[in-house]
Full PDB file with SEQRES, HELIX, SHEET, SSBOND, CRYST1, ORIGX, SCALE, CONECT and MASTER records, all heavy atoms in Angstrom:
SEQRES   1 A   36  ILE ASN MET ILE ARG GLU ALA ILE LYS GLU ASP GLU GLU          
SEQRES   2 A   36  ASP CYS GLY CYS CYS SER LEU SER PHE LYS ALA MET LEU          
SEQRES   3 A   36  PRO LEU ALA VAL ALA THR SER ILE ASP ALA                      
HELIX    1 AA1 ASN A    2  ALA A    7  1                                   6    
HELIX    2 AA2 PHE A   22  SER A   33  1                                  12    
CRYST1    1.000    1.000    1.000  90.00  90.00  90.00 P 1           1          
ORIGX1      1.000000  0.000000  0.000000        0.00000                         
ORIGX2      0.000000  1.000000  0.000000        0.00000                         
ORIGX3      0.000000  0.000000  1.000000        0.00000                         
SCALE1      1.000000  0.000000  0.000000        0.00000                         
SCALE2      0.000000  1.000000  0.000000        0.00000                         
SCALE3      0.000000  0.000000  1.000000        0.00000                         
ATOM      1  N   ILE A   1     191.353 187.453 114.758  1.00  0.00           N  
ATOM      2  CA  ILE A   1     192.175 187.695 116.010  1.00  0.00           C  
ATOM      3  C   ILE A   1     191.468 187.100 117.279  1.00  0.00           C  
ATOM      4  O   ILE A   1     192.065 186.468 118.078  1.00  0.00           O  
ATOM      5  CB  ILE A   1     192.574 189.196 116.170  1.00  0.00           C  
ATOM      6  CG1 ILE A   1     193.579 189.560 115.128  1.00  0.00           C  
ATOM      7  CG2 ILE A   1     193.089 189.447 117.560  1.00  0.00           C  
ATOM      8  CD1 ILE A   1     193.862 191.088 115.068  1.00  0.00           C  
ATOM      9  N   ASN A   2     190.206 187.382 117.377  1.00  0.00           N  
ATOM     10  CA  ASN A   2     189.418 186.813 118.483  1.00  0.00           C  
ATOM     11  C   ASN A   2     189.399 185.345 118.500  1.00  0.00           C  
ATOM     12  O   ASN A   2     189.595 184.762 119.582  1.00  0.00           O  
ATOM     13  CB  ASN A   2     188.030 187.434 118.498  1.00  0.00           C  
ATOM     14  CG  ASN A   2     187.305 187.075 119.771  1.00  0.00           C  
ATOM     15  OD1 ASN A   2     187.756 187.311 120.872  1.00  0.00           O  
ATOM     16  ND2 ASN A   2     186.085 186.482 119.601  1.00  0.00           N  
ATOM     17  N   MET A   3     189.242 184.709 117.385  1.00  0.00           N  
ATOM     18  CA  MET A   3     189.292 183.235 117.328  1.00  0.00           C  
ATOM     19  C   MET A   3     190.584 182.700 117.738  1.00  0.00           C  
ATOM     20  O   MET A   3     190.718 181.735 118.546  1.00  0.00           O  
ATOM     21  CB  MET A   3     188.974 182.757 115.917  1.00  0.00           C  
ATOM     22  CG  MET A   3     187.514 182.795 115.532  1.00  0.00           C  
ATOM     23  SD  MET A   3     187.224 182.321 113.786  1.00  0.00           S  
ATOM     24  CE  MET A   3     187.500 180.549 113.936  1.00  0.00           C  
ATOM     25  N   ILE A   4     191.736 183.290 117.260  1.00  0.00           N  
ATOM     26  CA  ILE A   4     193.060 182.843 117.692  1.00  0.00           C  
ATOM     27  C   ILE A   4     193.316 183.065 119.098  1.00  0.00           C  
ATOM     28  O   ILE A   4     193.836 182.201 119.792  1.00  0.00           O  
ATOM     29  CB  ILE A   4     194.117 183.551 116.759  1.00  0.00           C  
ATOM     30  CG1 ILE A   4     193.987 183.172 115.297  1.00  0.00           C  
ATOM     31  CG2 ILE A   4     195.548 183.310 117.321  1.00  0.00           C  
ATOM     32  CD1 ILE A   4     194.827 183.891 114.320  1.00  0.00           C  
ATOM     33  N   ARG A   5     192.904 184.291 119.637  1.00  0.00           N  
ATOM     34  CA  ARG A   5     193.120 184.610 121.091  1.00  0.00           C  
ATOM     35  C   ARG A   5     192.352 183.610 121.939  1.00  0.00           C  
ATOM     36  O   ARG A   5     192.938 183.112 122.973  1.00  0.00           O  
ATOM     37  CB  ARG A   5     192.560 186.019 121.333  1.00  0.00           C  
ATOM     38  CG  ARG A   5     192.759 186.439 122.810  1.00  0.00           C  
ATOM     39  CD  ARG A   5     192.140 187.852 123.026  1.00  0.00           C  
ATOM     40  NE  ARG A   5     190.740 187.886 122.695  1.00  0.00           N  
ATOM     41  CZ  ARG A   5     189.774 187.438 123.509  1.00  0.00           C  
ATOM     42  NH1 ARG A   5     190.070 186.855 124.603  1.00  0.00           N  
ATOM     43  NH2 ARG A   5     188.546 187.544 123.190  1.00  0.00           N  
ATOM     44  N   GLU A   6     191.147 183.255 121.596  1.00  0.00           N  
ATOM     45  CA  GLU A   6     190.364 182.289 122.407  1.00  0.00           C  
ATOM     46  C   GLU A   6     191.061 180.927 122.381  1.00  0.00           C  
ATOM     47  O   GLU A   6     190.936 180.203 123.290  1.00  0.00           O  
ATOM     48  CB  GLU A   6     188.930 182.238 121.881  1.00  0.00           C  
ATOM     49  CG  GLU A   6     188.173 183.465 122.351  1.00  0.00           C  
ATOM     50  CD  GLU A   6     186.685 183.481 121.872  1.00  0.00           C  
ATOM     51  OE1 GLU A   6     186.260 182.420 121.323  1.00  0.00           O  
ATOM     52  OE2 GLU A   6     185.998 184.429 122.003  1.00  0.00           O  
ATOM     53  N   ALA A   7     191.614 180.606 121.147  1.00  0.00           N  
ATOM     54  CA  ALA A   7     192.179 179.218 121.020  1.00  0.00           C  
ATOM     55  C   ALA A   7     193.418 179.078 121.839  1.00  0.00           C  
ATOM     56  O   ALA A   7     193.703 177.950 122.331  1.00  0.00           O  
ATOM     57  CB  ALA A   7     192.482 178.989 119.555  1.00  0.00           C  
ATOM     58  N   ILE A   8     194.223 180.133 122.083  1.00  0.00           N  
ATOM     59  CA  ILE A   8     195.437 179.994 122.784  1.00  0.00           C  
ATOM     60  C   ILE A   8     195.312 180.346 124.259  1.00  0.00           C  
ATOM     61  O   ILE A   8     196.348 180.395 124.981  1.00  0.00           O  
ATOM     62  CB  ILE A   8     196.585 180.794 122.101  1.00  0.00           C  
ATOM     63  CG1 ILE A   8     196.214 182.292 122.014  1.00  0.00           C  
ATOM     64  CG2 ILE A   8     196.899 180.243 120.756  1.00  0.00           C  
ATOM     65  CD1 ILE A   8     197.360 183.143 121.437  1.00  0.00           C  
ATOM     66  N   LYS A   9     194.102 180.602 124.776  1.00  0.00           N  
ATOM     67  CA  LYS A   9     193.945 180.875 126.200  1.00  0.00           C  
ATOM     68  C   LYS A   9     194.419 179.639 126.907  1.00  0.00           C  
ATOM     69  O   LYS A   9     194.241 178.483 126.491  1.00  0.00           O  
ATOM     70  CB  LYS A   9     192.460 181.062 126.467  1.00  0.00           C  
ATOM     71  CG  LYS A   9     191.905 182.431 126.308  1.00  0.00           C  
ATOM     72  CD  LYS A   9     190.498 182.483 126.785  1.00  0.00           C  
ATOM     73  CE  LYS A   9     189.882 183.823 126.533  1.00  0.00           C  
ATOM     74  NZ  LYS A   9     188.432 183.828 126.885  1.00  0.00           N  
ATOM     75  N   GLU A  10     194.934 179.876 128.116  1.00  0.00           N  
ATOM     76  CA  GLU A  10     195.460 178.766 128.957  1.00  0.00           C  
ATOM     77  C   GLU A  10     194.316 177.927 129.424  1.00  0.00           C  
ATOM     78  O   GLU A  10     194.426 176.674 129.386  1.00  0.00           O  
ATOM     79  CB  GLU A  10     196.232 179.366 130.118  1.00  0.00           C  
ATOM     80  CG  GLU A  10     197.472 180.087 129.768  1.00  0.00           C  
ATOM     81  CD  GLU A  10     198.521 179.059 129.309  1.00  0.00           C  
ATOM     82  OE1 GLU A  10     198.584 177.986 129.828  1.00  0.00           O  
ATOM     83  OE2 GLU A  10     199.339 179.485 128.446  1.00  0.00           O  
ATOM     84  N   ASP A  11     193.260 178.547 129.921  1.00  0.00           N  
ATOM     85  CA  ASP A  11     192.175 177.762 130.614  1.00  0.00           C  
ATOM     86  C   ASP A  11     191.266 177.222 129.473  1.00  0.00           C  
ATOM     87  O   ASP A  11     190.888 177.859 128.616  1.00  0.00           O  
ATOM     88  CB  ASP A  11     191.431 178.517 131.618  1.00  0.00           C  
ATOM     89  CG  ASP A  11     190.972 179.828 131.004  1.00  0.00           C  
ATOM     90  OD1 ASP A  11     191.717 180.548 130.371  1.00  0.00           O  
ATOM     91  OD2 ASP A  11     189.749 180.130 131.211  1.00  0.00           O  
ATOM     92  N   GLU A  12     190.886 175.899 129.704  1.00  0.00           N  
ATOM     93  CA  GLU A  12     189.999 175.242 128.719  1.00  0.00           C  
ATOM     94  C   GLU A  12     188.536 175.684 129.065  1.00  0.00           C  
ATOM     95  O   GLU A  12     188.195 175.780 130.242  1.00  0.00           O  
ATOM     96  CB  GLU A  12     190.075 173.747 128.890  1.00  0.00           C  
ATOM     97  CG  GLU A  12     191.360 173.169 128.278  1.00  0.00           C  
ATOM     98  CD  GLU A  12     191.431 173.352 126.820  1.00  0.00           C  
ATOM     99  OE1 GLU A  12     190.442 173.291 126.102  1.00  0.00           O  
ATOM    100  OE2 GLU A  12     192.540 173.607 126.322  1.00  0.00           O  
ATOM    101  N   GLU A  13     187.761 175.976 128.053  1.00  0.00           N  
ATOM    102  CA  GLU A  13     186.375 176.373 128.290  1.00  0.00           C  
ATOM    103  C   GLU A  13     185.587 175.072 128.550  1.00  0.00           C  
ATOM    104  O   GLU A  13     185.923 173.994 128.130  1.00  0.00           O  
ATOM    105  CB  GLU A  13     185.813 177.022 127.060  1.00  0.00           C  
ATOM    106  CG  GLU A  13     186.475 178.344 126.734  1.00  0.00           C  
ATOM    107  CD  GLU A  13     185.937 178.983 125.464  1.00  0.00           C  
ATOM    108  OE1 GLU A  13     184.902 178.541 124.956  1.00  0.00           O  
ATOM    109  OE2 GLU A  13     186.533 179.889 124.989  1.00  0.00           O  
ATOM    110  N   ASP A  14     184.447 175.351 129.280  1.00  0.00           N  
ATOM    111  CA  ASP A  14     183.559 174.191 129.553  1.00  0.00           C  
ATOM    112  C   ASP A  14     182.823 173.833 128.275  1.00  0.00           C  
ATOM    113  O   ASP A  14     182.324 174.666 127.561  1.00  0.00           O  
ATOM    114  CB  ASP A  14     182.539 174.659 130.614  1.00  0.00           C  
ATOM    115  CG  ASP A  14     181.562 173.555 130.950  1.00  0.00           C  
ATOM    116  OD1 ASP A  14     181.885 172.365 130.756  1.00  0.00           O  
ATOM    117  OD2 ASP A  14     180.421 173.949 131.456  1.00  0.00           O  
ATOM    118  N   CYS A  15     182.877 172.560 127.942  1.00  0.00           N  
ATOM    119  CA  CYS A  15     182.256 172.047 126.701  1.00  0.00           C  
ATOM    120  C   CYS A  15     180.755 171.952 126.848  1.00  0.00           C  
ATOM    121  O   CYS A  15     180.027 171.683 125.865  1.00  0.00           O  
ATOM    122  CB  CYS A  15     182.856 170.721 126.271  1.00  0.00           C  
ATOM    123  SG  CYS A  15     184.538 170.964 125.729  1.00  0.00           S  
ATOM    124  N   GLY A  16     180.293 172.018 128.049  1.00  0.00           N  
ATOM    125  CA  GLY A  16     178.807 171.838 128.213  1.00  0.00           C  
ATOM    126  C   GLY A  16     178.465 170.423 128.530  1.00  0.00           C  
ATOM    127  O   GLY A  16     179.255 169.500 128.355  1.00  0.00           O  
ATOM    128  N   CYS A  17     177.297 170.205 129.001  1.00  0.00           N  
ATOM    129  CA  CYS A  17     176.872 168.819 129.342  1.00  0.00           C  
ATOM    130  C   CYS A  17     176.509 168.077 128.124  1.00  0.00           C  
ATOM    131  O   CYS A  17     176.541 168.600 127.042  1.00  0.00           O  
ATOM    132  CB  CYS A  17     175.766 168.921 130.391  1.00  0.00           C  
ATOM    133  SG  CYS A  17     174.215 169.541 129.653  1.00  0.00           S  
ATOM    134  N   CYS A  18     176.099 166.874 128.304  1.00  0.00           N  
ATOM    135  CA  CYS A  18     175.755 165.985 127.205  1.00  0.00           C  
ATOM    136  C   CYS A  18     174.353 166.279 126.636  1.00  0.00           C  
ATOM    137  O   CYS A  18     174.038 165.602 125.715  1.00  0.00           O  
ATOM    138  CB  CYS A  18     175.955 164.581 127.608  1.00  0.00           C  
ATOM    139  SG  CYS A  18     174.907 164.068 128.988  1.00  0.00           S  
ATOM    140  N   SER A  19     173.623 167.137 127.173  1.00  0.00           N  
ATOM    141  CA  SER A  19     172.260 167.403 126.737  1.00  0.00           C  
ATOM    142  C   SER A  19     172.256 167.965 125.356  1.00  0.00           C  
ATOM    143  O   SER A  19     173.028 168.858 125.011  1.00  0.00           O  
ATOM    144  CB  SER A  19     171.556 168.299 127.683  1.00  0.00           C  
ATOM    145  OG  SER A  19     170.238 168.591 127.172  1.00  0.00           O  
ATOM    146  N   LEU A  20     171.354 167.518 124.539  1.00  0.00           N  
ATOM    147  CA  LEU A  20     171.114 168.066 123.222  1.00  0.00           C  
ATOM    148  C   LEU A  20     169.684 168.704 123.120  1.00  0.00           C  
ATOM    149  O   LEU A  20     169.167 168.895 122.060  1.00  0.00           O  
ATOM    150  CB  LEU A  20     171.207 166.934 122.100  1.00  0.00           C  
ATOM    151  CG  LEU A  20     172.543 166.299 121.992  1.00  0.00           C  
ATOM    152  CD1 LEU A  20     172.464 165.216 120.917  1.00  0.00           C  
ATOM    153  CD2 LEU A  20     173.669 167.260 121.753  1.00  0.00           C  
ATOM    154  N   SER A  21     169.196 169.098 124.341  1.00  0.00           N  
ATOM    155  CA  SER A  21     167.940 169.775 124.343  1.00  0.00           C  
ATOM    156  C   SER A  21     167.990 171.130 123.804  1.00  0.00           C  
ATOM    157  O   SER A  21     169.009 171.771 123.617  1.00  0.00           O  
ATOM    158  CB  SER A  21     167.425 169.839 125.846  1.00  0.00           C  
ATOM    159  OG  SER A  21     168.223 170.759 126.511  1.00  0.00           O  
ATOM    160  N   PHE A  22     166.806 171.744 123.481  1.00  0.00           N  
ATOM    161  CA  PHE A  22     166.787 173.126 122.964  1.00  0.00           C  
ATOM    162  C   PHE A  22     167.411 174.083 123.860  1.00  0.00           C  
ATOM    163  O   PHE A  22     168.106 174.970 123.488  1.00  0.00           O  
ATOM    164  CB  PHE A  22     165.266 173.413 122.697  1.00  0.00           C  
ATOM    165  CG  PHE A  22     165.079 174.809 122.110  1.00  0.00           C  
ATOM    166  CD1 PHE A  22     165.344 175.049 120.768  1.00  0.00           C  
ATOM    167  CD2 PHE A  22     164.680 175.905 122.939  1.00  0.00           C  
ATOM    168  CE1 PHE A  22     165.138 176.339 120.257  1.00  0.00           C  
ATOM    169  CE2 PHE A  22     164.471 177.134 122.430  1.00  0.00           C  
ATOM    170  CZ  PHE A  22     164.694 177.385 121.090  1.00  0.00           C  
ATOM    171  N   LYS A  23     167.111 173.900 125.171  1.00  0.00           N  
ATOM    172  CA  LYS A  23     167.709 174.797 126.161  1.00  0.00           C  
ATOM    173  C   LYS A  23     169.159 174.704 126.268  1.00  0.00           C  
ATOM    174  O   LYS A  23     169.861 175.795 126.494  1.00  0.00           O  
ATOM    175  CB  LYS A  23     167.102 174.414 127.566  1.00  0.00           C  
ATOM    176  CG  LYS A  23     167.469 175.346 128.666  1.00  0.00           C  
ATOM    177  CD  LYS A  23     166.768 174.936 129.969  1.00  0.00           C  
ATOM    178  CE  LYS A  23     167.224 175.816 131.113  1.00  0.00           C  
ATOM    179  NZ  LYS A  23     166.654 175.433 132.335  1.00  0.00           N  
ATOM    180  N   ALA A  24     169.779 173.596 126.055  1.00  0.00           N  
ATOM    181  CA  ALA A  24     171.235 173.395 126.013  1.00  0.00           C  
ATOM    182  C   ALA A  24     171.858 173.854 124.757  1.00  0.00           C  
ATOM    183  O   ALA A  24     172.930 174.451 124.742  1.00  0.00           O  
ATOM    184  CB  ALA A  24     171.587 171.950 126.328  1.00  0.00           C  
ATOM    185  N   MET A  25     171.227 173.585 123.602  1.00  0.00           N  
ATOM    186  CA  MET A  25     171.859 173.848 122.291  1.00  0.00           C  
ATOM    187  C   MET A  25     171.640 175.233 121.828  1.00  0.00           C  
ATOM    188  O   MET A  25     172.492 175.756 121.105  1.00  0.00           O  
ATOM    189  CB  MET A  25     171.292 172.798 121.279  1.00  0.00           C  
ATOM    190  CG  MET A  25     171.718 171.376 121.495  1.00  0.00           C  
ATOM    191  SD  MET A  25     173.455 171.150 121.454  1.00  0.00           S  
ATOM    192  CE  MET A  25     173.833 171.639 119.714  1.00  0.00           C  
ATOM    193  N   LEU A  26     170.536 175.904 122.091  1.00  0.00           N  
ATOM    194  CA  LEU A  26     170.265 177.259 121.587  1.00  0.00           C  
ATOM    195  C   LEU A  26     171.394 178.237 121.925  1.00  0.00           C  
ATOM    196  O   LEU A  26     171.937 178.864 121.079  1.00  0.00           O  
ATOM    197  CB  LEU A  26     168.938 177.749 122.040  1.00  0.00           C  
ATOM    198  CG  LEU A  26     168.597 179.121 121.473  1.00  0.00           C  
ATOM    199  CD1 LEU A  26     168.418 179.103 119.959  1.00  0.00           C  
ATOM    200  CD2 LEU A  26     167.250 179.615 122.141  1.00  0.00           C  
ATOM    201  N   PRO A  27     171.753 178.293 123.225  1.00  0.00           N  
ATOM    202  CA  PRO A  27     172.884 179.252 123.548  1.00  0.00           C  
ATOM    203  C   PRO A  27     174.153 178.925 122.816  1.00  0.00           C  
ATOM    204  O   PRO A  27     174.917 179.774 122.365  1.00  0.00           O  
ATOM    205  CB  PRO A  27     172.979 179.143 125.068  1.00  0.00           C  
ATOM    206  CG  PRO A  27     171.825 178.474 125.523  1.00  0.00           C  
ATOM    207  CD  PRO A  27     171.231 177.711 124.356  1.00  0.00           C  
ATOM    208  N   LEU A  28     174.485 177.661 122.715  1.00  0.00           N  
ATOM    209  CA  LEU A  28     175.714 177.239 122.013  1.00  0.00           C  
ATOM    210  C   LEU A  28     175.635 177.615 120.557  1.00  0.00           C  
ATOM    211  O   LEU A  28     176.612 178.149 119.942  1.00  0.00           O  
ATOM    212  CB  LEU A  28     175.965 175.734 122.162  1.00  0.00           C  
ATOM    213  CG  LEU A  28     176.256 175.278 123.505  1.00  0.00           C  
ATOM    214  CD1 LEU A  28     176.315 173.721 123.542  1.00  0.00           C  
ATOM    215  CD2 LEU A  28     177.547 175.799 124.016  1.00  0.00           C  
ATOM    216  N   ALA A  29     174.470 177.435 119.886  1.00  0.00           N  
ATOM    217  CA  ALA A  29     174.368 177.728 118.412  1.00  0.00           C  
ATOM    218  C   ALA A  29     174.446 179.218 118.257  1.00  0.00           C  
ATOM    219  O   ALA A  29     175.073 179.672 117.223  1.00  0.00           O  
ATOM    220  CB  ALA A  29     173.007 177.197 117.940  1.00  0.00           C  
ATOM    221  N   VAL A  30     173.838 179.981 119.129  1.00  0.00           N  
ATOM    222  CA  VAL A  30     173.950 181.494 118.923  1.00  0.00           C  
ATOM    223  C   VAL A  30     175.390 181.930 119.214  1.00  0.00           C  
ATOM    224  O   VAL A  30     175.934 182.714 118.450  1.00  0.00           O  
ATOM    225  CB  VAL A  30     172.932 182.208 119.936  1.00  0.00           C  
ATOM    226  CG1 VAL A  30     173.186 183.684 119.967  1.00  0.00           C  
ATOM    227  CG2 VAL A  30     171.493 181.844 119.521  1.00  0.00           C  
ATOM    228  N   ALA A  31     175.982 181.438 120.299  1.00  0.00           N  
ATOM    229  CA  ALA A  31     177.350 181.860 120.717  1.00  0.00           C  
ATOM    230  C   ALA A  31     178.380 181.550 119.592  1.00  0.00           C  
ATOM    231  O   ALA A  31     179.241 182.403 119.291  1.00  0.00           O  
ATOM    232  CB  ALA A  31     177.768 181.215 121.976  1.00  0.00           C  
ATOM    233  N   THR A  32     178.208 180.411 118.952  1.00  0.00           N  
ATOM    234  CA  THR A  32     179.198 180.031 117.881  1.00  0.00           C  
ATOM    235  C   THR A  32     178.944 180.674 116.611  1.00  0.00           C  
ATOM    236  O   THR A  32     179.770 180.614 115.648  1.00  0.00           O  
ATOM    237  CB  THR A  32     179.242 178.516 117.699  1.00  0.00           C  
ATOM    238  OG1 THR A  32     177.929 178.037 117.347  1.00  0.00           O  
ATOM    239  CG2 THR A  32     179.685 177.744 118.939  1.00  0.00           C  
ATOM    240  N   SER A  33     177.791 181.362 116.456  1.00  0.00           N  
ATOM    241  CA  SER A  33     177.493 181.997 115.114  1.00  0.00           C  
ATOM    242  C   SER A  33     177.465 183.537 115.137  1.00  0.00           C  
ATOM    243  O   SER A  33     177.266 184.159 114.166  1.00  0.00           O  
ATOM    244  CB  SER A  33     176.124 181.524 114.640  1.00  0.00           C  
ATOM    245  OG  SER A  33     175.061 181.922 115.545  1.00  0.00           O  
ATOM    246  N   ILE A  34     177.855 184.088 116.264  1.00  0.00           N  
ATOM    247  CA  ILE A  34     177.888 185.563 116.301  1.00  0.00           C  
ATOM    248  C   ILE A  34     178.885 186.152 115.350  1.00  0.00           C  
ATOM    249  O   ILE A  34     178.648 187.126 114.699  1.00  0.00           O  
ATOM    250  CB  ILE A  34     178.284 185.993 117.784  1.00  0.00           C  
ATOM    251  CG1 ILE A  34     177.152 185.705 118.747  1.00  0.00           C  
ATOM    252  CG2 ILE A  34     178.637 187.513 117.856  1.00  0.00           C  
ATOM    253  CD1 ILE A  34     175.802 186.380 118.476  1.00  0.00           C  
ATOM    254  N   ASP A  35     180.056 185.499 115.154  1.00  0.00           N  
ATOM    255  CA  ASP A  35     181.005 185.918 114.207  1.00  0.00           C  
ATOM    256  C   ASP A  35     180.435 186.014 112.814  1.00  0.00           C  
ATOM    257  O   ASP A  35     180.759 186.879 112.045  1.00  0.00           O  
ATOM    258  CB  ASP A  35     182.228 185.018 114.161  1.00  0.00           C  
ATOM    259  CG  ASP A  35     183.004 184.963 115.471  1.00  0.00           C  
ATOM    260  OD1 ASP A  35     182.725 185.880 116.350  1.00  0.00           O  
ATOM    261  OD2 ASP A  35     183.884 184.136 115.643  1.00  0.00           O  
ATOM    262  N   ALA A  36     179.521 185.097 112.453  1.00  0.00           N  
ATOM    263  CA  ALA A  36     178.935 185.020 111.180  1.00  0.00           C  
ATOM    264  C   ALA A  36     178.058 186.347 110.908  1.00  0.00           C  
ATOM    265  O   ALA A  36     177.811 186.722 109.747  1.00  0.00           O  
ATOM    266  CB  ALA A  36     178.100 183.824 110.982  1.00  0.00           C  
TER     267      ALA A  36                                                      
MASTER        0    0    0    2    0    0    0    6  266    1    0    3          
END                                                                             
């Protein structure tokens, strides 16, 4: 339900900058894996 709710939100989330540094990627990796 949370995945579907987030997908149909009106406002688009910020995709983040183009950096692939540890500082940029670690929060994204953790955030996208909490469901797991």
